Amino acid sequence: MDRRVVVESALALLGPGPTNCALMVNRVSFGVLRAPKGVLLVPKTIRFSVSIEKDLIDAFDDLCSRRGWTNRSEAVRDAIRRQLVEQEWEAGEEVVGIVTLLYDHHAAGLDKQLTEIQHEALGIVISTTHVHIDERNCLECIAVRGEARQIEELAHGMIGLKGVKHGELVGTSTGKKIH
């Protein structure tokens, strides 16, 4: 594989705009070095180096330690995946997520509103779990799947209801586009 292609692919992952690092491909690791004539070998792992200021790498190493990553590579892979998931949401693709709602179950009509909203969104709502936190507060966890914009509208509609004390949408990928 041409090293320029690898570098251009890696730079495309970083996105447009100025960067504070220089990217250089050190080695491309192939799983099988022999292939039939006309078959292109695709690397399993690409090794590259990043030039970065000492203070920044020290802070990164501290972050890796606190988050439990066993090495920098795992941290970088997670950061890349996080960006890919964010791109799926921004592009309005099919995604999944969880809407959490903490609410006062004594709020007049709120439980009925939440149930109706979810029934109207049967194509998006996959599952709901209702938890009694105490004598007054309930936690609703709603698993959702669909186009990102539809999920966001549904979540904001429920979070904005009177009686909802806190709500949040945690989005992720269906996993089809990330490895």
N, C-alpha and C. Protein backbone atom coordinates (compact mmCIF):
# COMPACT_ATOMS: atom_id res chain seq x y z
N MET A 1 0.86 -1.18 0.00
CA MET A 1 0.00 0.00 0.00
C MET A 1 0.90 1.24 0.00
N ASP A 2 0.58 2.19 -0.82
CA ASP A 2 1.33 3.43 -0.91
C ASP A 2 1.21 4.20 0.41
N ARG A 3 2.35 4.59 0.99
CA ARG A 3 2.34 5.30 2.28
C ARG A 3 1.56 6.62 2.20
N ARG A 4 1.55 7.27 1.04
CA ARG A 4 0.78 8.51 0.91
C ARG A 4 -0.70 8.26 1.14
N VAL A 5 -1.21 7.12 0.65
CA VAL A 5 -2.62 6.78 0.84
C VAL A 5 -2.92 6.61 2.32
N VAL A 6 -2.01 5.94 3.03
CA VAL A 6 -2.19 5.73 4.46
C VAL A 6 -2.19 7.06 5.20
N VAL A 7 -1.24 7.93 4.87
CA VAL A 7 -1.16 9.24 5.52
C VAL A 7 -2.40 10.06 5.20
N GLU A 8 -2.83 10.07 3.94
CA GLU A 8 -4.03 10.82 3.58
C GLU A 8 -5.25 10.28 4.30
N SER A 9 -5.35 8.95 4.47
CA SER A 9 -6.47 8.36 5.21
C SER A 9 -6.44 8.78 6.66
N ALA A 10 -5.26 8.76 7.26
CA ALA A 10 -5.14 9.15 8.66
C ALA A 10 -5.46 10.63 8.83
N LEU A 11 -5.00 11.47 7.92
CA LEU A 11 -5.30 12.89 8.01
C LEU A 11 -6.79 13.15 7.82
N ALA A 12 -7.44 12.36 6.98
CA ALA A 12 -8.89 12.52 6.78
C ALA A 12 -9.63 12.24 8.08
N LEU A 13 -9.14 11.30 8.87
CA LEU A 13 -9.76 11.01 10.17
C LEU A 13 -9.64 12.20 11.12
N LEU A 14 -8.52 12.92 11.01
CA LEU A 14 -8.32 14.08 11.88
C LEU A 14 -9.21 15.24 11.50
N GLY A 15 -9.64 15.28 10.26
CA GLY A 15 -10.55 16.34 9.83
C GLY A 15 -9.80 17.55 9.32
N PRO A 16 -10.55 18.52 8.78
CA PRO A 16 -9.92 19.72 8.23
C PRO A 16 -9.49 20.66 9.34
N GLY A 17 -8.64 21.60 8.97
CA GLY A 17 -8.25 22.62 9.92
C GLY A 17 -6.84 22.40 10.42
N PRO A 18 -6.33 23.40 11.16
CA PRO A 18 -4.96 23.31 11.64
C PRO A 18 -4.82 22.24 12.72
N THR A 19 -3.67 21.57 12.75
CA THR A 19 -3.39 20.60 13.81
C THR A 19 -2.05 20.94 14.42
N ASN A 20 -1.84 20.54 15.64
CA ASN A 20 -0.59 20.78 16.34
C ASN A 20 0.29 19.55 16.32
N CYS A 21 0.05 18.66 15.40
CA CYS A 21 0.87 17.46 15.37
C CYS A 21 1.29 17.14 13.95
N ALA A 22 2.42 16.49 13.85
CA ALA A 22 2.92 16.02 12.56
C ALA A 22 2.66 14.53 12.51
N LEU A 23 2.11 14.06 11.42
CA LEU A 23 1.74 12.66 11.30
C LEU A 23 2.72 11.97 10.37
N MET A 24 3.24 10.82 10.81
CA MET A 24 4.19 10.09 9.99
C MET A 24 3.91 8.60 10.13
N VAL A 25 3.83 7.91 9.02
CA VAL A 25 3.61 6.48 9.07
C VAL A 25 4.94 5.78 9.28
N ASN A 26 5.02 4.97 10.33
CA ASN A 26 6.24 4.22 10.62
C ASN A 26 6.22 2.85 9.96
N ARG A 27 5.09 2.16 10.11
CA ARG A 27 5.05 0.79 9.62
C ARG A 27 3.60 0.40 9.35
N VAL A 28 3.41 -0.32 8.29
CA VAL A 28 2.09 -0.88 8.01
C VAL A 28 2.21 -2.38 8.26
N SER A 29 1.35 -2.93 9.09
CA SER A 29 1.39 -4.33 9.46
C SER A 29 0.31 -5.09 8.71
N PHE A 30 0.71 -6.06 7.90
CA PHE A 30 -0.23 -6.86 7.13
C PHE A 30 -0.39 -8.21 7.80
N GLY A 31 -1.63 -8.71 7.83
CA GLY A 31 -1.90 -10.02 8.43
C GLY A 31 -1.28 -11.14 7.60
N VAL A 32 -1.45 -11.11 6.30
CA VAL A 32 -0.90 -12.12 5.39
C VAL A 32 -0.15 -11.38 4.30
N LEU A 33 1.12 -11.74 4.13
CA LEU A 33 1.94 -11.01 3.16
C LEU A 33 1.78 -11.54 1.74
N ARG A 34 1.34 -12.78 1.59
CA ARG A 34 1.17 -13.34 0.25
C ARG A 34 -0.31 -13.35 -0.11
N ALA A 35 -0.57 -12.94 -1.32
CA ALA A 35 -1.95 -12.93 -1.80
C ALA A 35 -1.94 -13.30 -3.28
N PRO A 36 -3.04 -13.85 -3.76
CA PRO A 36 -3.12 -14.17 -5.19
C PRO A 36 -2.91 -12.92 -6.03
N LYS A 37 -2.42 -13.11 -7.23
CA LYS A 37 -2.16 -12.00 -8.14
C LYS A 37 -3.43 -11.18 -8.33
N GLY A 38 -3.30 -9.86 -8.23
CA GLY A 38 -4.43 -8.97 -8.43
C GLY A 38 -5.23 -8.68 -7.17
N VAL A 39 -4.87 -9.31 -6.05
CA VAL A 39 -5.58 -9.08 -4.80
C VAL A 39 -4.81 -8.05 -3.98
N LEU A 40 -5.50 -7.02 -3.55
CA LEU A 40 -4.89 -5.96 -2.75
C LEU A 40 -4.89 -6.36 -1.29
N LEU A 41 -3.73 -6.29 -0.65
CA LEU A 41 -3.64 -6.57 0.79
C LEU A 41 -4.10 -5.34 1.55
N VAL A 42 -4.99 -5.53 2.51
CA VAL A 42 -5.49 -4.43 3.33
C VAL A 42 -4.87 -4.57 4.71
N PRO A 43 -4.24 -3.53 5.20
CA PRO A 43 -3.58 -3.64 6.51
C PRO A 43 -4.60 -3.82 7.64
N LYS A 44 -4.24 -4.67 8.63
CA LYS A 44 -5.07 -4.83 9.81
C LYS A 44 -4.81 -3.70 10.79
N THR A 45 -3.57 -3.33 10.91
CA THR A 45 -3.18 -2.29 11.85
C THR A 45 -2.21 -1.35 11.18
N ILE A 46 -2.41 -0.08 11.39
CA ILE A 46 -1.49 0.93 10.87
C ILE A 46 -0.85 1.61 12.07
N ARG A 47 0.45 1.64 12.08
CA ARG A 47 1.18 2.32 13.13
C ARG A 47 1.58 3.70 12.61
N PHE A 48 1.36 4.72 13.43
CA PHE A 48 1.79 6.06 13.06
C PHE A 48 2.27 6.77 14.31
N SER A 49 3.06 7.80 14.10
CA SER A 49 3.55 8.55 15.26
C SER A 49 2.99 9.95 15.20
N VAL A 50 2.91 10.56 16.36
CA VAL A 50 2.39 11.92 16.48
C VAL A 50 3.40 12.73 17.27
N SER A 51 3.79 13.87 16.74
CA SER A 51 4.65 14.79 17.47
C SER A 51 3.75 15.70 18.29
N ILE A 52 4.01 15.75 19.59
CA ILE A 52 3.11 16.48 20.48
C ILE A 52 3.92 17.08 21.64
N GLU A 53 3.46 18.22 22.13
CA GLU A 53 4.18 18.90 23.21
C GLU A 53 4.19 18.03 24.47
N LYS A 54 5.28 18.12 25.27
CA LYS A 54 5.43 17.30 26.46
C LYS A 54 4.30 17.52 27.46
N ASP A 55 3.91 18.76 27.70
CA ASP A 55 2.84 19.03 28.66
C ASP A 55 1.53 18.37 28.23
N LEU A 56 1.26 18.38 26.92
CA LEU A 56 0.03 17.79 26.41
C LEU A 56 0.07 16.27 26.54
N ILE A 57 1.20 15.64 26.23
CA ILE A 57 1.28 14.18 26.34
C ILE A 57 1.25 13.75 27.80
N ASP A 58 1.83 14.56 28.70
CA ASP A 58 1.75 14.24 30.13
C ASP A 58 0.30 14.27 30.61
N ALA A 59 -0.45 15.28 30.18
CA ALA A 59 -1.86 15.37 30.55
C ALA A 59 -2.65 14.20 29.94
N PHE A 60 -2.29 13.84 28.72
CA PHE A 60 -2.95 12.71 28.05
C PHE A 60 -2.67 11.40 28.80
N ASP A 61 -1.42 11.21 29.21
CA ASP A 61 -1.06 10.00 29.97
C ASP A 61 -1.82 9.94 31.29
N ASP A 62 -1.97 11.08 31.96
CA ASP A 62 -2.75 11.12 33.20
C ASP A 62 -4.20 10.74 32.93
N LEU A 63 -4.76 11.28 31.85
CA LEU A 63 -6.13 10.95 31.47
C LEU A 63 -6.27 9.45 31.19
N CYS A 64 -5.31 8.90 30.46
CA CYS A 64 -5.34 7.45 30.15
C CYS A 64 -5.34 6.64 31.44
N SER A 65 -4.53 7.04 32.38
CA SER A 65 -4.46 6.32 33.65
C SER A 65 -5.77 6.41 34.42
N ARG A 66 -6.35 7.60 34.49
CA ARG A 66 -7.62 7.79 35.22
C ARG A 66 -8.77 7.04 34.56
N ARG A 67 -8.78 7.01 33.25
CA ARG A 67 -9.87 6.36 32.53
C ARG A 67 -9.69 4.84 32.39
N GLY A 68 -8.51 4.36 32.73
CA GLY A 68 -8.28 2.92 32.69
C GLY A 68 -7.82 2.36 31.36
N TRP A 69 -7.42 3.22 30.43
CA TRP A 69 -6.88 2.70 29.18
C TRP A 69 -5.52 2.09 29.47
N THR A 70 -5.24 0.94 28.91
CA THR A 70 -3.98 0.27 29.17
C THR A 70 -2.82 0.85 28.38
N ASN A 71 -3.14 1.59 27.31
CA ASN A 71 -2.08 2.23 26.52
C ASN A 71 -2.68 3.39 25.73
N ARG A 72 -1.81 4.17 25.14
CA ARG A 72 -2.25 5.34 24.36
C ARG A 72 -3.07 4.93 23.14
N SER A 73 -2.72 3.81 22.54
CA SER A 73 -3.43 3.36 21.34
C SER A 73 -4.91 3.16 21.62
N GLU A 74 -5.24 2.55 22.76
CA GLU A 74 -6.65 2.36 23.11
C GLU A 74 -7.36 3.70 23.26
N ALA A 75 -6.69 4.66 23.88
CA ALA A 75 -7.28 5.99 24.06
C ALA A 75 -7.52 6.67 22.72
N VAL A 76 -6.56 6.57 21.81
CA VAL A 76 -6.71 7.18 20.49
C VAL A 76 -7.82 6.49 19.71
N ARG A 77 -7.89 5.16 19.77
CA ARG A 77 -8.97 4.44 19.08
C ARG A 77 -10.33 4.87 19.60
N ASP A 78 -10.45 5.00 20.94
CA ASP A 78 -11.72 5.44 21.52
C ASP A 78 -12.07 6.85 21.08
N ALA A 79 -11.08 7.73 21.00
CA ALA A 79 -11.33 9.12 20.57
C ALA A 79 -11.80 9.14 19.11
N ILE A 80 -11.19 8.32 18.28
CA ILE A 80 -11.60 8.26 16.87
C ILE A 80 -13.02 7.72 16.76
N ARG A 81 -13.32 6.65 17.51
CA ARG A 81 -14.68 6.09 17.48
C ARG A 81 -15.71 7.12 17.96
N ARG A 82 -15.36 7.86 19.00
CA ARG A 82 -16.28 8.88 19.53
C ARG A 82 -16.59 9.91 18.44
N GLN A 83 -15.59 10.30 17.68
CA GLN A 83 -15.81 11.26 16.60
C GLN A 83 -16.66 10.65 15.48
N LEU A 84 -16.45 9.38 15.18
CA LEU A 84 -17.25 8.72 14.15
C LEU A 84 -18.71 8.62 14.57
N VAL A 85 -18.96 8.32 15.85
CA VAL A 85 -20.34 8.27 16.35
C VAL A 85 -20.96 9.66 16.26
N GLU A 86 -20.21 10.67 16.66
CA GLU A 86 -20.72 12.05 16.59
C GLU A 86 -21.08 12.42 15.15
N GLN A 87 -20.26 11.99 14.20
CA GLN A 87 -20.55 12.26 12.79
C GLN A 87 -21.85 11.59 12.34
N GLU A 88 -22.08 10.36 12.81
CA GLU A 88 -23.34 9.67 12.47
C GLU A 88 -24.53 10.48 12.96
N TRP A 89 -24.46 11.01 14.18
CA TRP A 89 -25.56 11.81 14.72
C TRP A 89 -25.73 13.10 13.95
N GLU A 90 -24.61 13.78 13.63
CA GLU A 90 -24.69 15.04 12.89
C GLU A 90 -25.24 14.84 11.48
N ALA A 91 -24.95 13.70 10.89
CA ALA A 91 -25.42 13.42 9.52
C ALA A 91 -26.87 12.93 9.49
N GLY A 92 -27.45 12.71 10.66
CA GLY A 92 -28.85 12.27 10.72
C GLY A 92 -29.06 10.82 10.36
N GLU A 93 -28.04 10.00 10.54
CA GLU A 93 -28.13 8.59 10.18
C GLU A 93 -28.92 7.79 11.22
N GLU A 94 -29.12 6.51 10.94
CA GLU A 94 -29.77 5.64 11.91
C GLU A 94 -28.80 5.41 13.07
N VAL A 95 -29.28 5.71 14.27
CA VAL A 95 -28.46 5.61 15.48
C VAL A 95 -29.32 5.02 16.60
N VAL A 96 -28.71 4.79 17.74
CA VAL A 96 -29.43 4.30 18.92
C VAL A 96 -29.04 5.15 20.12
N GLY A 97 -29.85 5.05 21.16
CA GLY A 97 -29.53 5.81 22.36
C GLY A 97 -30.46 5.46 23.51
N ILE A 98 -30.25 6.16 24.59
CA ILE A 98 -31.08 6.02 25.79
C ILE A 98 -31.50 7.43 26.22
N VAL A 99 -32.78 7.58 26.47
CA VAL A 99 -33.29 8.82 27.04
C VAL A 99 -33.57 8.51 28.52
N THR A 100 -32.97 9.27 29.41
CA THR A 100 -33.25 9.10 30.83
C THR A 100 -34.07 10.29 31.32
N LEU A 101 -35.09 9.99 32.09
CA LEU A 101 -35.96 11.03 32.64
C LEU A 101 -36.13 10.79 34.13
N LEU A 102 -35.78 11.78 34.92
CA LEU A 102 -36.07 11.75 36.36
C LEU A 102 -37.25 12.69 36.54
N TYR A 103 -38.34 12.17 37.12
CA TYR A 103 -39.52 13.02 37.24
C TYR A 103 -40.31 12.72 38.50
N ASP A 104 -41.13 13.70 38.84
CA ASP A 104 -42.03 13.61 39.99
C ASP A 104 -43.30 12.90 39.51
N HIS A 105 -43.54 11.70 40.01
CA HIS A 105 -44.70 10.97 39.50
C HIS A 105 -46.02 11.53 40.05
N HIS A 106 -45.94 12.51 40.95
CA HIS A 106 -47.15 13.18 41.42
C HIS A 106 -47.54 14.37 40.53
N ALA A 107 -46.67 14.70 39.56
CA ALA A 107 -46.98 15.79 38.63
C ALA A 107 -48.21 15.39 37.81
N ALA A 108 -49.20 16.24 37.83
CA ALA A 108 -50.50 15.93 37.22
C ALA A 108 -50.38 15.56 35.75
N GLY A 109 -50.78 14.34 35.42
CA GLY A 109 -50.88 13.89 34.04
C GLY A 109 -49.56 13.57 33.35
N LEU A 110 -48.44 13.73 34.05
CA LEU A 110 -47.14 13.54 33.40
C LEU A 110 -46.95 12.09 32.94
N ASP A 111 -47.27 11.12 33.78
CA ASP A 111 -47.08 9.73 33.40
C ASP A 111 -47.90 9.38 32.16
N LYS A 112 -49.11 9.93 32.07
CA LYS A 112 -49.96 9.68 30.91
C LYS A 112 -49.35 10.33 29.65
N GLN A 113 -48.83 11.56 29.78
CA GLN A 113 -48.20 12.23 28.64
C GLN A 113 -47.00 11.43 28.13
N LEU A 114 -46.17 10.97 29.06
CA LEU A 114 -44.98 10.20 28.67
C LEU A 114 -45.38 8.91 27.94
N THR A 115 -46.38 8.24 28.45
CA THR A 115 -46.84 7.00 27.82
C THR A 115 -47.38 7.28 26.42
N GLU A 116 -48.18 8.32 26.27
CA GLU A 116 -48.74 8.65 24.95
C GLU A 116 -47.65 9.02 23.95
N ILE A 117 -46.69 9.83 24.38
CA ILE A 117 -45.59 10.23 23.49
C ILE A 117 -44.85 8.98 23.01
N GLN A 118 -44.58 8.06 23.91
CA GLN A 118 -43.85 6.84 23.53
C GLN A 118 -44.67 5.95 22.60
N HIS A 119 -45.97 5.87 22.83
CA HIS A 119 -46.83 5.07 21.94
C HIS A 119 -46.91 5.69 20.54
N GLU A 120 -46.87 7.01 20.47
CA GLU A 120 -46.89 7.68 19.17
C GLU A 120 -45.57 7.49 18.42
N ALA A 121 -44.52 7.10 19.13
CA ALA A 121 -43.20 6.92 18.53
C ALA A 121 -42.79 5.45 18.53
N LEU A 122 -43.73 4.57 18.24
CA LEU A 122 -43.45 3.13 18.29
C LEU A 122 -42.32 2.71 17.35
N GLY A 123 -42.14 3.43 16.27
CA GLY A 123 -41.06 3.11 15.34
C GLY A 123 -39.69 3.50 15.86
N ILE A 124 -39.65 4.29 16.92
CA ILE A 124 -38.38 4.77 17.49
C ILE A 124 -38.12 4.14 18.86
N VAL A 125 -39.15 4.05 19.68
CA VAL A 125 -38.99 3.53 21.04
C VAL A 125 -38.87 2.01 20.98
N ILE A 126 -37.78 1.49 21.50
CA ILE A 126 -37.53 0.05 21.50
C ILE A 126 -38.01 -0.58 22.81
N SER A 127 -37.69 0.10 23.91
CA SER A 127 -37.98 -0.46 25.22
C SER A 127 -37.99 0.65 26.26
N THR A 128 -38.74 0.42 27.32
CA THR A 128 -38.80 1.38 28.42
C THR A 128 -38.67 0.63 29.74
N THR A 129 -37.85 1.18 30.63
CA THR A 129 -37.73 0.64 31.98
C THR A 129 -38.11 1.74 32.94
N HIS A 130 -38.99 1.42 33.86
CA HIS A 130 -39.49 2.38 34.84
C HIS A 130 -38.98 1.95 36.22
N VAL A 131 -38.31 2.89 36.91
CA VAL A 131 -37.72 2.59 38.22
C VAL A 131 -38.29 3.55 39.25
N HIS A 132 -38.74 3.01 40.37
CA HIS A 132 -39.23 3.84 41.48
C HIS A 132 -38.03 4.19 42.36
N ILE A 133 -37.61 5.46 42.33
CA ILE A 133 -36.45 5.91 43.10
C ILE A 133 -36.82 6.05 44.58
N ASP A 134 -37.92 6.70 44.85
CA ASP A 134 -38.44 6.84 46.20
C ASP A 134 -39.94 7.07 46.10
N GLU A 135 -40.57 7.51 47.18
CA GLU A 135 -42.03 7.66 47.18
C GLU A 135 -42.52 8.74 46.23
N ARG A 136 -41.63 9.60 45.73
CA ARG A 136 -42.06 10.70 44.88
C ARG A 136 -41.40 10.69 43.49
N ASN A 137 -40.20 10.18 43.40
CA ASN A 137 -39.40 10.28 42.17
C ASN A 137 -39.31 8.96 41.41
N CYS A 138 -39.40 9.08 40.09
CA CYS A 138 -39.27 7.93 39.20
C CYS A 138 -38.18 8.21 38.16
N LEU A 139 -37.56 7.14 37.72
CA LEU A 139 -36.58 7.21 36.65
C LEU A 139 -37.10 6.37 35.50
N GLU A 140 -37.16 6.97 34.33
CA GLU A 140 -37.60 6.27 33.13
C GLU A 140 -36.39 6.21 32.20
N CYS A 141 -36.07 5.00 31.74
CA CYS A 141 -34.97 4.79 30.78
C CYS A 141 -35.60 4.25 29.50
N ILE A 142 -35.47 5.01 28.43
CA ILE A 142 -36.15 4.68 27.18
C ILE A 142 -35.09 4.41 26.10
N ALA A 143 -35.04 3.18 25.63
CA ALA A 143 -34.12 2.82 24.55
C ALA A 143 -34.76 3.22 23.23
N VAL A 144 -33.97 3.89 22.38
CA VAL A 144 -34.49 4.40 21.11
C VAL A 144 -33.57 4.02 19.95
N ARG A 145 -34.19 3.91 18.78
CA ARG A 145 -33.44 3.62 17.56
C ARG A 145 -34.16 4.30 16.40
N GLY A 146 -33.39 4.99 15.56
CA GLY A 146 -33.98 5.66 14.41
C GLY A 146 -33.07 6.74 13.89
N GLU A 147 -33.62 7.63 13.07
CA GLU A 147 -32.84 8.75 12.55
C GLU A 147 -32.52 9.70 13.69
N ALA A 148 -31.31 10.19 13.70
CA ALA A 148 -30.82 11.02 14.80
C ALA A 148 -31.75 12.20 15.10
N ARG A 149 -32.20 12.90 14.08
CA ARG A 149 -33.04 14.08 14.30
C ARG A 149 -34.38 13.71 14.95
N GLN A 150 -34.96 12.60 14.54
CA GLN A 150 -36.22 12.14 15.13
C GLN A 150 -36.03 11.78 16.60
N ILE A 151 -34.92 11.12 16.90
CA ILE A 151 -34.62 10.76 18.29
C ILE A 151 -34.44 12.01 19.13
N GLU A 152 -33.70 12.98 18.60
CA GLU A 152 -33.47 14.22 19.35
C GLU A 152 -34.79 14.96 19.61
N GLU A 153 -35.65 15.02 18.61
CA GLU A 153 -36.96 15.68 18.79
C GLU A 153 -37.79 14.97 19.85
N LEU A 154 -37.81 13.64 19.80
CA LEU A 154 -38.54 12.87 20.80
C LEU A 154 -37.99 13.12 22.20
N ALA A 155 -36.67 13.06 22.33
CA ALA A 155 -36.04 13.27 23.64
C ALA A 155 -36.34 14.66 24.18
N HIS A 156 -36.15 15.68 23.35
CA HIS A 156 -36.39 17.06 23.80
C HIS A 156 -37.85 17.27 24.17
N GLY A 157 -38.75 16.63 23.43
CA GLY A 157 -40.17 16.73 23.74
C GLY A 157 -40.51 16.18 25.10
N MET A 158 -39.89 15.07 25.47
CA MET A 158 -40.15 14.47 26.78
C MET A 158 -39.42 15.21 27.90
N ILE A 159 -38.18 15.59 27.64
CA ILE A 159 -37.39 16.29 28.66
C ILE A 159 -38.03 17.63 29.02
N GLY A 160 -38.69 18.26 28.05
CA GLY A 160 -39.28 19.57 28.27
C GLY A 160 -40.64 19.57 28.96
N LEU A 161 -41.17 18.40 29.26
CA LEU A 161 -42.48 18.34 29.91
C LEU A 161 -42.42 18.83 31.36
N LYS A 162 -43.48 19.50 31.78
CA LYS A 162 -43.57 19.99 33.15
C LYS A 162 -43.60 18.80 34.10
N GLY A 163 -42.74 18.84 35.10
CA GLY A 163 -42.63 17.76 36.07
C GLY A 163 -41.38 16.92 35.89
N VAL A 164 -40.74 17.02 34.71
CA VAL A 164 -39.47 16.32 34.49
C VAL A 164 -38.38 17.15 35.16
N LYS A 165 -37.72 16.55 36.15
CA LYS A 165 -36.68 17.26 36.91
C LYS A 165 -35.35 17.27 36.18
N HIS A 166 -35.06 16.19 35.50
CA HIS A 166 -33.82 16.10 34.74
C HIS A 166 -34.01 15.08 33.64
N GLY A 167 -33.45 15.36 32.49
CA GLY A 167 -33.50 14.42 31.39
C GLY A 167 -32.24 14.53 30.56
N GLU A 168 -31.90 13.43 29.93
CA GLU A 168 -30.70 13.44 29.10
C GLU A 168 -30.82 12.39 28.02
N LEU A 169 -30.27 12.71 26.86
CA LEU A 169 -30.17 11.76 25.75
C LEU A 169 -28.71 11.36 25.63
N VAL A 170 -28.45 10.07 25.72
CA VAL A 170 -27.10 9.55 25.50
C VAL A 170 -27.16 8.76 24.21
N GLY A 171 -26.45 9.25 23.21
CA GLY A 171 -26.49 8.62 21.90
C GLY A 171 -25.26 7.82 21.59
N THR A 172 -25.45 6.80 20.76
CA THR A 172 -24.33 6.01 20.28
C THR A 172 -24.65 5.53 18.87
N SER A 173 -23.81 4.68 18.38
CA SER A 173 -23.93 4.14 17.02
C SER A 173 -24.67 2.82 17.03
N THR A 174 -25.16 2.42 15.87
CA THR A 174 -25.69 1.07 15.73
C THR A 174 -24.54 0.08 15.65
N GLY A 175 -23.33 0.59 15.46
CA GLY A 175 -22.15 -0.26 15.38
C GLY A 175 -21.82 -0.70 13.97
N LYS A 176 -22.67 -0.39 13.01
CA LYS A 176 -22.44 -0.84 11.63
C LYS A 176 -21.27 -0.14 10.97
N LYS A 177 -20.97 1.09 11.39
CA LYS A 177 -19.94 1.88 10.70
C LYS A 177 -18.67 2.06 11.49
N ILE A 178 -18.63 1.54 12.70
CA ILE A 178 -17.40 1.67 13.48
C ILE A 178 -16.86 0.29 13.83
N HIS A 179 -15.58 0.19 14.03
CA HIS A 179 -14.95 -1.11 14.34
C HIS A 179 -14.20 -1.03 15.63
